[in-house]
Amino acid sequence: MKKMTLTSRVLVGLASLAMIASYFLPVWAIYLIAPQYPEGLEMNIHLNKISGEVEIINGLNHYIGMKHIDGHMFPEFNFLVYIVGFLILFGLIVAITGHRKLLITFCILILLFAVAALVDFYMWGYDYGHNLDPTAPIQVPGLSYQPPVIGHKKLLNFDAYSYPDTGGWFIIIAGIVVFIVWFMEWRRTKKINKSNRVMNKTSVATAFLLFFIAGCTVKPEPIAFGKDQCSDCKMTIMDPKFGGEIVTKKGKVYKFDDAHCMAVFLNRRGVEMSDISKTLFLNYNGSKEFIPVKNVEFAVGSKLKSPMGSNAGAFPSKKEAQNKAKEIGGKETNWPTLYNVLIK
């Protein structure tokens, strides 16, 4: 399953478009509160500029030797708009194509962007808070003024807060949505794969069972007259009016050209009685159909002239056997009686 669902694609598309808001709204904010500024001072960071009460903050920071903040100290402003634009475009491609591999790549790109942004912000804050002017009016040995990357930190009498601003929240929420979509797709694929594995296992088990059943379902084989040999006398089976088959429980088939050969074969234990699944005789009417031994009736008479001298023709009913016996001047009998006669 390589394609995302329609819902997933719509969510990714909307999340990507939502990041456009970061071009018009600040993405990060640094907020300072002190007794002399109870309402606080705010500096807003955009993709390509800084806004807010930057000059007041610069005036305060001058006394402790911190650098003057302006747009030129952020080279990232030269390419952040392109990076975010690339993410938006890539997300739309993911939504349009619906490829799951592209979705995974999109998640990785968003994660890399977030990590790189936080690391870069930390490095800027470290340099800004540690690399101080040694001629500053106020100097506290060993003290640094690095602002927090995210959260709260006490800097002299100021409480400094750092957190995502409105545009940043659009990017963060968009990223969260994309990761949720990826998780949903991963779960869906996992369930499908699990279902497929179960189905495959079931198919294999079913195939094995069918194979086993097929192997265990024994059935007779059509006799190829003029080709097959009798399992007892080894003569080629020629006459479709006489003969029969013994089928074992394992599916092995013994073919005979006469009831006499079958009787002799059974008498000498050519196959054990416990191994026999079916004992069948060819219908004398020449239809090449088999009659189970439990249903067979024989007409016996010298006029029938069977290949090996039993002169016994098999019929599917007692009435047919009687009619034939009357016709040839013979007699009608069953298999147990005929068997005892033939083995003497």
C-alpha atoms as a PDB file:
ATOM      1  CA  MET A   1       0.000   0.000   0.000  1.00  0.00           C
ATOM      2  CA  LYS A   2       1.980   3.002  -1.351  1.00  0.00           C
ATOM      3  CA  LYS A   3      -0.785   5.635  -1.617  1.00  0.00           C
ATOM      4  CA  MET A   4      -2.174   7.746   1.218  1.00  0.00           C
ATOM      5  CA  THR A   5      -5.881   8.038   1.885  1.00  0.00           C
ATOM      6  CA  LEU A   6      -7.763  11.060   0.584  1.00  0.00           C
ATOM      7  CA  THR A   7      -8.207  12.362   4.142  1.00  0.00           C
ATOM      8  CA  SER A   8      -4.465  12.163   4.776  1.00  0.00           C
ATOM      9  CA  ARG A   9      -3.694  13.992   1.546  1.00  0.00           C
ATOM     10  CA  VAL A  10      -6.155  16.791   2.352  1.00  0.00           C
ATOM     11  CA  LEU A  11      -4.691  17.209   5.850  1.00  0.00           C
ATOM     12  CA  VAL A  12      -1.136  17.396   4.499  1.00  0.00           C
ATOM     13  CA  GLY A  13      -2.221  19.919   1.886  1.00  0.00           C
ATOM     14  CA  LEU A  14      -3.968  22.139   4.444  1.00  0.00           C
ATOM     15  CA  ALA A  15      -1.020  21.875   6.845  1.00  0.00           C
ATOM     16  CA  SER A  16       1.359  22.957   4.086  1.00  0.00           C
ATOM     17  CA  LEU A  17      -0.803  25.906   3.107  1.00  0.00           C
ATOM     18  CA  ALA A  18      -1.096  26.937   6.769  1.00  0.00           C
ATOM     19  CA  MET A  19       2.653  27.569   6.878  1.00  0.00           C
ATOM     20  CA  ILE A  20       2.114  30.507   4.478  1.00  0.00           C
ATOM     21  CA  ALA A  21       0.940  32.468   7.549  1.00  0.00           C
ATOM     22  CA  SER A  22       4.567  32.538   8.778  1.00  0.00           C
ATOM     23  CA  TYR A  23       5.358  35.013   5.939  1.00  0.00           C
ATOM     24  CA  PHE A  24       3.029  37.588   7.468  1.00  0.00           C
ATOM     25  CA  LEU A  25       3.230  36.861  11.195  1.00  0.00           C
ATOM     26  CA  PRO A  26       6.192  36.718  13.621  1.00  0.00           C
ATOM     27  CA  VAL A  27       7.471  33.192  14.207  1.00  0.00           C
ATOM     28  CA  TRP A  28       9.256  33.691  17.542  1.00  0.00           C
ATOM     29  CA  ALA A  29       9.021  36.059  20.490  1.00  0.00           C
ATOM     30  CA  ILE A  30      11.335  37.055  23.338  1.00  0.00           C
ATOM     31  CA  TYR A  31       9.513  38.757  26.206  1.00  0.00           C
ATOM     32  CA  LEU A  32      11.201  40.628  29.077  1.00  0.00           C
ATOM     33  CA  ILE A  33       9.532  41.657  32.335  1.00  0.00           C
ATOM     34  CA  ALA A  34      11.148  43.713  35.120  1.00  0.00           C
ATOM     35  CA  PRO A  35       9.884  45.947  37.965  1.00  0.00           C
ATOM     36  CA  GLN A  36      10.623  49.008  35.879  1.00  0.00           C
ATOM     37  CA  TYR A  37       8.804  47.480  32.893  1.00  0.00           C
ATOM     38  CA  PRO A  38       5.805  45.719  34.458  1.00  0.00           C
ATOM     39  CA  GLU A  39       4.010  45.592  31.135  1.00  0.00           C
ATOM     40  CA  GLY A  40       7.036  43.923  29.572  1.00  0.00           C
ATOM     41  CA  LEU A  41       9.177  44.416  26.513  1.00  0.00           C
ATOM     42  CA  GLU A  42       8.736  42.225  23.458  1.00  0.00           C
ATOM     43  CA  MET A  43      10.983  41.407  20.530  1.00  0.00           C
ATOM     44  CA  ASN A  44       9.402  39.581  17.596  1.00  0.00           C
ATOM     45  CA  ILE A  45      11.415  37.521  15.120  1.00  0.00           C
ATOM     46  CA  HIS A  46       9.993  37.076  11.593  1.00  0.00           C
ATOM     47  CA  LEU A  47      11.349  34.995   8.725  1.00  0.00           C
ATOM     48  CA  ASN A  48      13.192  38.020   7.352  1.00  0.00           C
ATOM     49  CA  LYS A  49      13.183  40.758   9.991  1.00  0.00           C
ATOM     50  CA  ILE A  50      12.927  41.751  13.655  1.00  0.00           C
ATOM     51  CA  SER A  51      10.163  43.892  15.112  1.00  0.00           C
ATOM     52  CA  GLY A  52       8.911  45.007  18.506  1.00  0.00           C
ATOM     53  CA  GLU A  53      10.520  47.138  21.193  1.00  0.00           C
ATOM     54  CA  VAL A  54      14.000  46.349  19.941  1.00  0.00           C
ATOM     55  CA  GLU A  55      15.520  49.791  20.498  1.00  0.00           C
ATOM     56  CA  ILE A  56      14.464  49.893  24.167  1.00  0.00           C
ATOM     57  CA  ILE A  57      15.948  46.427  24.671  1.00  0.00           C
ATOM     58  CA  ASN A  58      19.155  47.531  22.945  1.00  0.00           C
ATOM     59  CA  GLY A  59      19.358  50.550  25.265  1.00  0.00           C
ATOM     60  CA  LEU A  60      19.122  48.320  28.337  1.00  0.00           C
ATOM     61  CA  ASN A  61      21.524  45.705  27.008  1.00  0.00           C
ATOM     62  CA  HIS A  62      24.123  48.384  26.252  1.00  0.00           C
ATOM     63  CA  TYR A  63      24.787  48.794  29.966  1.00  0.00           C
ATOM     64  CA  ILE A  64      25.848  45.165  30.369  1.00  0.00           C
ATOM     65  CA  GLY A  65      27.855  45.001  27.141  1.00  0.00           C
ATOM     66  CA  MET A  66      25.519  43.009  24.911  1.00  0.00           C
ATOM     67  CA  LYS A  67      25.595  43.498  21.123  1.00  0.00           C
ATOM     68  CA  HIS A  68      23.253  45.837  19.335  1.00  0.00           C
ATOM     69  CA  ILE A  69      20.387  43.830  17.869  1.00  0.00           C
ATOM     70  CA  ASP A  70      19.424  44.504  14.269  1.00  0.00           C
ATOM     71  CA  GLY A  71      18.539  42.530  11.166  1.00  0.00           C
ATOM     72  CA  HIS A  72      22.121  42.383   9.933  1.00  0.00           C
ATOM     73  CA  MET A  73      23.185  40.100  12.786  1.00  0.00           C
ATOM     74  CA  PHE A  74      20.828  37.397  11.438  1.00  0.00           C
ATOM     75  CA  PRO A  75      22.145  36.041   8.109  1.00  0.00           C
ATOM     76  CA  GLU A  76      19.327  33.472   8.308  1.00  0.00           C
ATOM     77  CA  PHE A  77      16.939  36.188   7.139  1.00  0.00           C
ATOM     78  CA  ASN A  78      18.484  35.834   3.669  1.00  0.00           C
ATOM     79  CA  PHE A  79      17.254  32.255   3.149  1.00  0.00           C
ATOM     80  CA  LEU A  80      14.583  31.377   5.752  1.00  0.00           C
ATOM     81  CA  VAL A  81      11.796  32.478   3.413  1.00  0.00           C
ATOM     82  CA  TYR A  82      13.121  30.064   0.754  1.00  0.00           C
ATOM     83  CA  ILE A  83      13.415  27.139   3.173  1.00  0.00           C
ATOM     84  CA  VAL A  84       9.844  27.577   4.391  1.00  0.00           C
ATOM     85  CA  GLY A  85       8.696  28.043   0.781  1.00  0.00           C
ATOM     86  CA  PHE A  86      10.392  24.773  -0.150  1.00  0.00           C
ATOM     87  CA  LEU A  87       8.643  22.981   2.736  1.00  0.00           C
ATOM     88  CA  ILE A  88       5.274  24.358   1.633  1.00  0.00           C
ATOM     89  CA  LEU A  89       5.865  23.289  -1.979  1.00  0.00           C
ATOM     90  CA  PHE A  90       7.117  19.848  -0.957  1.00  0.00           C
ATOM     91  CA  GLY A  91       4.070  19.355   1.283  1.00  0.00           C
ATOM     92  CA  LEU A  92       1.743  20.215  -1.594  1.00  0.00           C
ATOM     93  CA  ILE A  93       3.542  17.708  -3.812  1.00  0.00           C
ATOM     94  CA  VAL A  94       3.031  15.063  -1.113  1.00  0.00           C
ATOM     95  CA  ALA A  95      -0.670  15.921  -0.933  1.00  0.00           C
ATOM     96  CA  ILE A  96      -1.119  15.824  -4.712  1.00  0.00           C
ATOM     97  CA  THR A  97       0.825  12.613  -5.365  1.00  0.00           C
ATOM     98  CA  GLY A  98      -0.184  10.809  -2.174  1.00  0.00           C
ATOM     99  CA  HIS A  99       3.080   8.861  -2.065  1.00  0.00           C
ATOM    100  CA  ARG A 100       3.826   7.520   1.415  1.00  0.00           C
ATOM    101  CA  LYS A 101       7.591   7.607   0.834  1.00  0.00           C
ATOM    102  CA  LEU A 102       7.358  11.329   0.096  1.00  0.00           C
ATOM    103  CA  LEU A 103       5.326  11.747   3.287  1.00  0.00           C
ATOM    104  CA  ILE A 104       8.124  10.140   5.309  1.00  0.00           C
ATOM    105  CA  THR A 105      10.637  12.426   3.577  1.00  0.00           C
ATOM    106  CA  PHE A 106       8.446  15.437   4.406  1.00  0.00           C
ATOM    107  CA  CYS A 107       8.396  14.447   8.083  1.00  0.00           C
ATOM    108  CA  ILE A 108      12.175  14.148   8.090  1.00  0.00           C
ATOM    109  CA  LEU A 109      12.586  17.564   6.424  1.00  0.00           C
ATOM    110  CA  ILE A 110      10.284  19.228   8.969  1.00  0.00           C
ATOM    111  CA  LEU A 111      12.157  17.580  11.836  1.00  0.00           C
ATOM    112  CA  LEU A 112      15.534  18.637  10.437  1.00  0.00           C
ATOM    113  CA  PHE A 113      14.266  22.193   9.942  1.00  0.00           C
ATOM    114  CA  ALA A 114      12.999  22.368  13.544  1.00  0.00           C
ATOM    115  CA  VAL A 115      16.214  20.976  15.012  1.00  0.00           C
ATOM    116  CA  ALA A 116      18.410  23.215  12.850  1.00  0.00           C
ATOM    117  CA  ALA A 117      16.350  26.303  13.798  1.00  0.00           C
ATOM    118  CA  LEU A 118      16.590  25.577  17.520  1.00  0.00           C
ATOM    119  CA  VAL A 119      20.322  24.842  17.326  1.00  0.00           C
ATOM    120  CA  ASP A 120      20.925  28.020  15.336  1.00  0.00           C
ATOM    121  CA  PHE A 121      18.878  30.064  17.823  1.00  0.00           C
ATOM    122  CA  TYR A 122      20.798  28.543  20.717  1.00  0.00           C
ATOM    123  CA  MET A 123      24.137  29.404  19.077  1.00  0.00           C
ATOM    124  CA  TRP A 124      23.001  32.993  18.460  1.00  0.00           C
ATOM    125  CA  GLY A 125      21.760  33.306  22.052  1.00  0.00           C
ATOM    126  CA  TYR A 126      25.006  31.863  23.401  1.00  0.00           C
ATOM    127  CA  ASP A 127      27.120  34.344  21.451  1.00  0.00           C
ATOM    128  CA  TYR A 128      24.748  37.199  22.319  1.00  0.00           C
ATOM    129  CA  GLY A 129      24.817  36.421  26.036  1.00  0.00           C
ATOM    130  CA  HIS A 130      28.492  35.492  26.457  1.00  0.00           C
ATOM    131  CA  ASN A 131      30.437  37.655  24.014  1.00  0.00           C
ATOM    132  CA  LEU A 132      30.138  40.905  26.001  1.00  0.00           C
ATOM    133  CA  ASP A 133      31.832  44.271  25.619  1.00  0.00           C
ATOM    134  CA  PRO A 134      34.643  44.379  28.220  1.00  0.00           C
ATOM    135  CA  THR A 135      34.200  48.170  28.523  1.00  0.00           C
ATOM    136  CA  ALA A 136      30.493  47.973  29.471  1.00  0.00           C
ATOM    137  CA  PRO A 137      29.390  50.180  32.401  1.00  0.00           C
ATOM    138  CA  ILE A 138      28.006  47.201  34.318  1.00  0.00           C
ATOM    139  CA  GLN A 139      30.141  44.091  34.610  1.00  0.00           C
ATOM    140  CA  VAL A 140      29.408  41.078  36.785  1.00  0.00           C
ATOM    141  CA  PRO A 141      32.328  38.607  36.609  1.00  0.00           C
ATOM    142  CA  GLY A 142      31.270  35.100  35.571  1.00  0.00           C
ATOM    143  CA  LEU A 143      27.723  36.104  34.717  1.00  0.00           C
ATOM    144  CA  SER A 144      26.284  35.569  31.257  1.00  0.00           C
ATOM    145  CA  TYR A 145      23.040  36.825  29.777  1.00  0.00           C
ATOM    146  CA  GLN A 146      22.100  34.100  27.319  1.00  0.00           C
ATOM    147  CA  PRO A 147      18.333  34.179  26.725  1.00  0.00           C
ATOM    148  CA  PRO A 148      16.446  30.866  26.948  1.00  0.00           C
ATOM    149  CA  VAL A 149      15.899  28.958  23.720  1.00  0.00           C
ATOM    150  CA  ILE A 150      12.402  28.192  24.907  1.00  0.00           C
ATOM    151  CA  GLY A 151      10.796  28.783  28.279  1.00  0.00           C
ATOM    152  CA  HIS A 152      11.806  31.094  31.160  1.00  0.00           C
ATOM    153  CA  LYS A 153      15.129  32.306  32.553  1.00  0.00           C
ATOM    154  CA  LYS A 154      16.135  34.934  35.160  1.00  0.00           C
ATOM    155  CA  LEU A 155      18.587  37.545  33.811  1.00  0.00           C
ATOM    156  CA  LEU A 156      19.513  40.027  36.597  1.00  0.00           C
ATOM    157  CA  ASN A 157      16.239  41.681  37.531  1.00  0.00           C
ATOM    158  CA  PHE A 158      14.564  40.663  34.272  1.00  0.00           C
ATOM    159  CA  ASP A 159      12.419  37.598  33.688  1.00  0.00           C
ATOM    160  CA  ALA A 160      13.104  36.474  30.124  1.00  0.00           C
ATOM    161  CA  TYR A 161      10.637  34.332  28.212  1.00  0.00           C
ATOM    162  CA  SER A 162      11.176  32.746  24.826  1.00  0.00           C
ATOM    163  CA  TYR A 163       8.408  30.982  22.912  1.00  0.00           C
ATOM    164  CA  PRO A 164       6.901  30.527  19.441  1.00  0.00           C
ATOM    165  CA  ASP A 165       4.865  33.423  18.161  1.00  0.00           C
ATOM    166  CA  THR A 166       1.740  33.188  15.992  1.00  0.00           C
ATOM    167  CA  GLY A 167       3.533  32.399  12.720  1.00  0.00           C
ATOM    168  CA  GLY A 168       5.708  29.860  14.514  1.00  0.00           C
ATOM    169  CA  TRP A 169       2.632  28.127  15.898  1.00  0.00           C
ATOM    170  CA  PHE A 170       1.283  27.768  12.373  1.00  0.00           C
ATOM    171  CA  ILE A 171       4.506  25.955  11.396  1.00  0.00           C
ATOM    172  CA  ILE A 172       4.538  23.831  14.565  1.00  0.00           C
ATOM    173  CA  ILE A 173       0.890  22.800  14.264  1.00  0.00           C
ATOM    174  CA  ALA A 174       1.401  22.043  10.572  1.00  0.00           C
ATOM    175  CA  GLY A 175       4.349  19.811  11.483  1.00  0.00           C
ATOM    176  CA  ILE A 176       2.328  18.049  14.186  1.00  0.00           C
ATOM    177  CA  VAL A 177      -0.496  17.421  11.709  1.00  0.00           C
ATOM    178  CA  VAL A 178       1.951  15.952   9.193  1.00  0.00           C
ATOM    179  CA  PHE A 179       3.428  13.628  11.822  1.00  0.00           C
ATOM    180  CA  ILE A 180      -0.062  12.570  12.940  1.00  0.00           C
ATOM    181  CA  VAL A 181      -0.915  11.790   9.312  1.00  0.00           C
ATOM    182  CA  TRP A 182       2.277   9.768   8.993  1.00  0.00           C
ATOM    183  CA  PHE A 183       1.393   7.840  12.168  1.00  0.00           C
ATOM    184  CA  MET A 184      -2.121   7.184  10.876  1.00  0.00           C
ATOM    185  CA  GLU A 185      -0.747   5.940   7.571  1.00  0.00           C
ATOM    186  CA  TRP A 186       1.837   3.777   9.347  1.00  0.00           C
ATOM    187  CA  ARG A 187      -0.859   2.214  11.530  1.00  0.00           C
ATOM    188  CA  ARG A 188      -3.089   1.647   8.513  1.00  0.00           C
ATOM    189  CA  THR A 189      -0.285   0.033   6.545  1.00  0.00           C
ATOM    190  CA  LYS A 190       0.676  -2.098   9.536  1.00  0.00           C
ATOM    191  CA  LYS A 191      -2.883  -3.349   9.858  1.00  0.00           C
ATOM    192  CA  ILE A 192      -3.054  -4.061   6.127  1.00  0.00           C
ATOM    193  CA  ASN A 193       0.266  -5.915   6.212  1.00  0.00           C
ATOM    194  CA  LYS A 194      -0.844  -7.840   9.277  1.00  0.00           C
ATOM    195  CA  SER A 195      -4.098  -8.692   7.547  1.00  0.00           C
ATOM    196  CA  ASN A 196      -2.172  -9.751   4.443  1.00  0.00           C
ATOM    197  CA  ARG A 197       0.150 -11.894   6.533  1.00  0.00           C
ATOM    198  CA  VAL A 198      -2.832 -13.530   8.208  1.00  0.00           C
ATOM    199  CA  MET A 199      -4.450 -14.017   4.813  1.00  0.00           C
ATOM    200  CA  ASN A 200      -1.219 -15.432   3.394  1.00  0.00           C
ATOM    201  CA  LYS A 201      -0.849 -17.784   6.322  1.00  0.00           C
ATOM    202  CA  THR A 202      -4.486 -18.749   5.964  1.00  0.00           C
ATOM    203  CA  SER A 203      -4.003 -19.263   2.243  1.00  0.00           C
ATOM    204  CA  VAL A 204      -0.958 -21.437   2.835  1.00  0.00           C
ATOM    205  CA  ALA A 205      -2.789 -23.390   5.511  1.00  0.00           C
ATOM    206  CA  THR A 206      -5.827 -23.709   3.272  1.00  0.00           C
ATOM    207  CA  ALA A 207      -3.704 -24.795   0.329  1.00  0.00           C
ATOM    208  CA  PHE A 208      -1.929 -27.313   2.506  1.00  0.00           C
ATOM    209  CA  LEU A 209      -5.244 -28.556   3.854  1.00  0.00           C
ATOM    210  CA  LEU A 210      -6.701 -28.812   0.370  1.00  0.00           C
ATOM    211  CA  PHE A 211      -3.572 -30.585  -0.796  1.00  0.00           C
ATOM    212  CA  PHE A 212      -3.819 -32.916   2.181  1.00  0.00           C
ATOM    213  CA  ILE A 213      -7.494 -33.513   1.570  1.00  0.00           C
ATOM    214  CA  ALA A 214      -6.852 -34.037  -2.107  1.00  0.00           C
ATOM    215  CA  GLY A 215      -4.164 -36.516  -1.226  1.00  0.00           C
ATOM    216  CA  CYS A 216      -6.488 -38.231   1.193  1.00  0.00           C
ATOM    217  CA  THR A 217      -9.488 -38.198  -1.147  1.00  0.00           C
ATOM    218  CA  VAL A 218      -8.823 -41.348  -3.096  1.00  0.00           C
ATOM    219  CA  LYS A 219     -10.564 -42.008  -6.359  1.00  0.00           C
ATOM    220  CA  PRO A 220     -10.317 -44.515  -9.181  1.00  0.00           C
ATOM    221  CA  GLU A 221      -8.453 -43.911 -12.404  1.00  0.00           C
ATOM    222  CA  PRO A 222      -9.954 -44.454 -15.820  1.00  0.00           C
ATOM    223  CA  ILE A 223      -8.515 -47.610 -17.376  1.00  0.00           C
ATOM    224  CA  ALA A 224      -6.558 -46.962 -20.551  1.00  0.00           C
ATOM    225  CA  PHE A 225      -7.633 -49.987 -22.592  1.00  0.00           C
ATOM    226  CA  GLY A 226      -4.897 -51.343 -24.767  1.00  0.00           C
ATOM    227  CA  LYS A 227      -2.219 -49.691 -22.526  1.00  0.00           C
ATOM    228  CA  ASP A 228      -2.749 -50.506 -18.855  1.00  0.00           C
ATOM    229  CA  GLN A 229      -1.657 -53.867 -17.496  1.00  0.00           C
ATOM    230  CA  CYS A 230      -3.463 -56.114 -15.083  1.00  0.00           C
ATOM    231  CA  SER A 231      -1.839 -55.904 -11.634  1.00  0.00           C
ATOM    232  CA  ASP A 232      -2.096 -59.672 -11.233  1.00  0.00           C
ATOM    233  CA  CYS A 233      -1.601 -61.453 -14.577  1.00  0.00           C
ATOM    234  CA  LYS A 234       0.301 -58.543 -16.201  1.00  0.00           C
ATOM    235  CA  MET A 235      -1.757 -58.878 -19.375  1.00  0.00           C
ATOM    236  CA  THR A 236      -2.827 -55.736 -21.227  1.00  0.00           C
ATOM    237  CA  ILE A 237      -6.368 -54.791 -20.342  1.00  0.00           C
ATOM    238  CA  MET A 238      -8.430 -54.866 -23.541  1.00  0.00           C
ATOM    239  CA  ASP A 239     -12.114 -55.596 -22.852  1.00  0.00           C
ATOM    240  CA  PRO A 240     -14.142 -52.704 -21.274  1.00  0.00           C
ATOM    241  CA  LYS A 241     -16.873 -55.211 -20.169  1.00  0.00           C
ATOM    242  CA  PHE A 242     -14.713 -56.940 -17.584  1.00  0.00           C
ATOM    243  CA  GLY A 243     -12.289 -56.122 -14.830  1.00  0.00           C
ATOM    244  CA  GLY A 244     -12.069 -53.550 -12.104  1.00  0.00           C
ATOM    245  CA  GLU A 245      -9.851 -51.636  -9.690  1.00  0.00           C
ATOM    246  CA  ILE A 246      -8.703 -51.627  -6.093  1.00  0.00           C
ATOM    247  CA  VAL A 247      -7.875 -48.164  -4.665  1.00  0.00           C
ATOM    248  CA  THR A 248      -5.894 -47.983  -1.412  1.00  0.00           C
ATOM    249  CA  LYS A 249      -6.348 -45.397   1.334  1.00  0.00           C
ATOM    250  CA  LYS A 250      -3.143 -43.730   0.138  1.00  0.00           C
ATOM    251  CA  GLY A 251      -4.524 -43.409  -3.361  1.00  0.00           C
ATOM    252  CA  LYS A 252      -2.617 -46.207  -5.054  1.00  0.00           C
ATOM    253  CA  VAL A 253      -4.629 -47.893  -7.824  1.00  0.00           C
ATOM    254  CA  TYR A 254      -4.437 -51.574  -8.842  1.00  0.00           C
ATOM    255  CA  LYS A 255      -6.119 -52.413 -12.149  1.00  0.00           C
ATOM    256  CA  PHE A 256      -7.435 -55.805 -13.268  1.00  0.00           C
ATOM    257  CA  ASP A 257      -8.740 -57.288 -16.511  1.00  0.00           C
ATOM    258  CA  ASP A 258     -11.005 -59.879 -14.856  1.00  0.00           C
ATOM    259  CA  ALA A 259     -12.769 -60.568 -11.557  1.00  0.00           C
ATOM    260  CA  HIS A 260     -10.649 -63.729 -11.381  1.00  0.00           C
ATOM    261  CA  CYS A 261      -7.402 -61.725 -11.274  1.00  0.00           C
ATOM    262  CA  MET A 262      -8.802 -59.480  -8.578  1.00  0.00           C
ATOM    263  CA  ALA A 263      -9.806 -62.440  -6.430  1.00  0.00           C
ATOM    264  CA  VAL A 264      -6.395 -64.088  -6.811  1.00  0.00           C
ATOM    265  CA  PHE A 265      -4.633 -60.791  -6.046  1.00  0.00           C
ATOM    266  CA  LEU A 266      -6.665 -60.338  -2.861  1.00  0.00           C
ATOM    267  CA  ASN A 267      -6.209 -63.922  -1.820  1.00  0.00           C
ATOM    268  CA  ARG A 268      -2.430 -63.716  -2.003  1.00  0.00           C
ATOM    269  CA  ARG A 269      -2.497 -60.444  -0.107  1.00  0.00           C
ATOM    270  CA  GLY A 270      -1.315 -58.282  -2.954  1.00  0.00           C
ATOM    271  CA  VAL A 271      -2.684 -55.524  -0.746  1.00  0.00           C
ATOM    272  CA  GLU A 272      -3.777 -55.732   2.867  1.00  0.00           C
ATOM    273  CA  MET A 273      -7.510 -55.598   3.428  1.00  0.00           C
ATOM    274  CA  SER A 274      -7.069 -52.795   5.993  1.00  0.00           C
ATOM    275  CA  ASP A 275      -5.370 -50.639   3.360  1.00  0.00           C
ATOM    276  CA  ILE A 276      -8.197 -50.856   0.837  1.00  0.00           C
ATOM    277  CA  SER A 277     -10.389 -47.783   0.379  1.00  0.00           C
ATOM    278  CA  LYS A 278     -12.417 -48.816  -2.657  1.00  0.00           C
ATOM    279  CA  THR A 279     -13.079 -52.043  -4.579  1.00  0.00           C
ATOM    280  CA  LEU A 280     -14.712 -51.404  -7.940  1.00  0.00           C
ATOM    281  CA  PHE A 281     -15.865 -53.400 -10.973  1.00  0.00           C
ATOM    282  CA  LEU A 282     -16.416 -52.301 -14.549  1.00  0.00           C
ATOM    283  CA  ASN A 283     -20.058 -52.208 -15.628  1.00  0.00           C
ATOM    284  CA  TYR A 284     -20.599 -55.090 -18.106  1.00  0.00           C
ATOM    285  CA  ASN A 285     -22.774 -52.801 -20.229  1.00  0.00           C
ATOM    286  CA  GLY A 286     -19.535 -51.311 -21.608  1.00  0.00           C
ATOM    287  CA  SER A 287     -20.026 -47.777 -20.273  1.00  0.00           C
ATOM    288  CA  LYS A 288     -16.559 -47.925 -18.649  1.00  0.00           C
ATOM    289  CA  GLU A 289     -18.226 -46.857 -15.417  1.00  0.00           C
ATOM    290  CA  PHE A 290     -17.208 -48.370 -12.090  1.00  0.00           C
ATOM    291  CA  ILE A 291     -19.628 -50.088  -9.692  1.00  0.00           C
ATOM    292  CA  PRO A 292     -18.724 -50.098  -5.969  1.00  0.00           C
ATOM    293  CA  VAL A 293     -18.417 -53.615  -4.547  1.00  0.00           C
ATOM    294  CA  LYS A 294     -21.251 -52.986  -2.090  1.00  0.00           C
ATOM    295  CA  ASN A 295     -23.643 -52.387  -5.024  1.00  0.00           C
ATOM    296  CA  VAL A 296     -22.362 -54.933  -7.518  1.00  0.00           C
ATOM    297  CA  GLU A 297     -24.267 -58.024  -8.687  1.00  0.00           C
ATOM    298  CA  PHE A 298     -22.815 -60.598 -11.089  1.00  0.00           C
ATOM    299  CA  ALA A 299     -24.187 -62.647 -13.916  1.00  0.00           C
ATOM    300  CA  VAL A 300     -21.983 -65.720 -14.420  1.00  0.00           C
ATOM    301  CA  GLY A 301     -22.061 -67.966 -17.457  1.00  0.00           C
ATOM    302  CA  SER A 302     -19.719 -69.557 -20.012  1.00  0.00           C
ATOM    303  CA  LYS A 303     -21.164 -67.429 -22.799  1.00  0.00           C
ATOM    304  CA  LEU A 304     -19.671 -64.252 -21.314  1.00  0.00           C
ATOM    305  CA  LYS A 305     -16.102 -65.377 -22.012  1.00  0.00           C
ATOM    306  CA  SER A 306     -14.065 -63.025 -19.786  1.00  0.00           C
ATOM    307  CA  PRO A 307     -10.276 -62.632 -20.397  1.00  0.00           C
ATOM    308  CA  MET A 308      -9.135 -64.887 -17.507  1.00  0.00           C
ATOM    309  CA  GLY A 309     -12.040 -67.301 -17.240  1.00  0.00           C
ATOM    310  CA  SER A 310     -14.234 -65.956 -14.477  1.00  0.00           C
ATOM    311  CA  ASN A 311     -16.946 -65.381 -17.092  1.00  0.00           C
ATOM    312  CA  ALA A 312     -18.536 -62.963 -14.620  1.00  0.00           C
ATOM    313  CA  GLY A 313     -20.112 -59.706 -15.706  1.00  0.00           C
ATOM    314  CA  ALA A 314     -20.798 -56.949 -13.154  1.00  0.00           C
ATOM    315  CA  PHE A 315     -24.102 -55.074 -13.012  1.00  0.00           C
ATOM    316  CA  PRO A 316     -25.282 -52.182 -10.818  1.00  0.00           C
ATOM    317  CA  SER A 317     -28.538 -53.916  -9.794  1.00  0.00           C
ATOM    318  CA  LYS A 318     -29.798 -57.349  -8.937  1.00  0.00           C
ATOM    319  CA  LYS A 319     -32.503 -57.179 -11.577  1.00  0.00           C
ATOM    320  CA  GLU A 320     -30.029 -56.452 -14.392  1.00  0.00           C
ATOM    321  CA  ALA A 321     -27.793 -59.292 -13.273  1.00  0.00           C
ATOM    322  CA  GLN A 322     -30.748 -61.681 -13.146  1.00  0.00           C
ATOM    323  CA  ASN A 323     -31.926 -60.676 -16.619  1.00  0.00           C
ATOM    324  CA  LYS A 324     -28.446 -61.239 -18.038  1.00  0.00           C
ATOM    325  CA  ALA A 325     -28.039 -64.572 -16.250  1.00  0.00           C
ATOM    326  CA  LYS A 326     -31.358 -65.681 -17.675  1.00  0.00           C
ATOM    327  CA  GLU A 327     -30.286 -64.566 -21.126  1.00  0.00           C
ATOM    328  CA  ILE A 328     -27.045 -66.572 -21.122  1.00  0.00           C
ATOM    329  CA  GLY A 329     -28.367 -69.525 -19.179  1.00  0.00           C
ATOM    330  CA  GLY A 330     -26.124 -68.737 -16.263  1.00  0.00           C
ATOM    331  CA  LYS A 331     -26.727 -67.624 -12.738  1.00  0.00           C
ATOM    332  CA  GLU A 332     -26.785 -64.430 -10.681  1.00  0.00           C
ATOM    333  CA  THR A 333     -24.504 -64.050  -7.645  1.00  0.00           C
ATOM    334  CA  ASN A 334     -22.767 -61.516  -5.402  1.00  0.00           C
ATOM    335  CA  TRP A 335     -19.078 -60.778  -4.832  1.00  0.00           C
ATOM    336  CA  PRO A 336     -18.494 -62.727  -1.605  1.00  0.00           C
ATOM    337  CA  THR A 337     -19.877 -65.881  -3.218  1.00  0.00           C
ATOM    338  CA  LEU A 338     -18.029 -65.332  -6.489  1.00  0.00           C
ATOM    339  CA  TYR A 339     -14.770 -64.645  -4.632  1.00  0.00           C
ATOM    340  CA  ASN A 340     -14.936 -67.961  -2.774  1.00  0.00           C
ATOM    341  CA  VAL A 341     -15.580 -69.783  -6.050  1.00  0.00           C
ATOM    342  CA  LEU A 342     -12.728 -68.082  -7.906  1.00  0.00           C
ATOM    343  CA  ILE A 343      -9.988 -68.762  -5.291  1.00  0.00           C
ATOM    344  CA  LYS A 344     -10.663 -72.507  -5.030  1.00  0.00           C
END
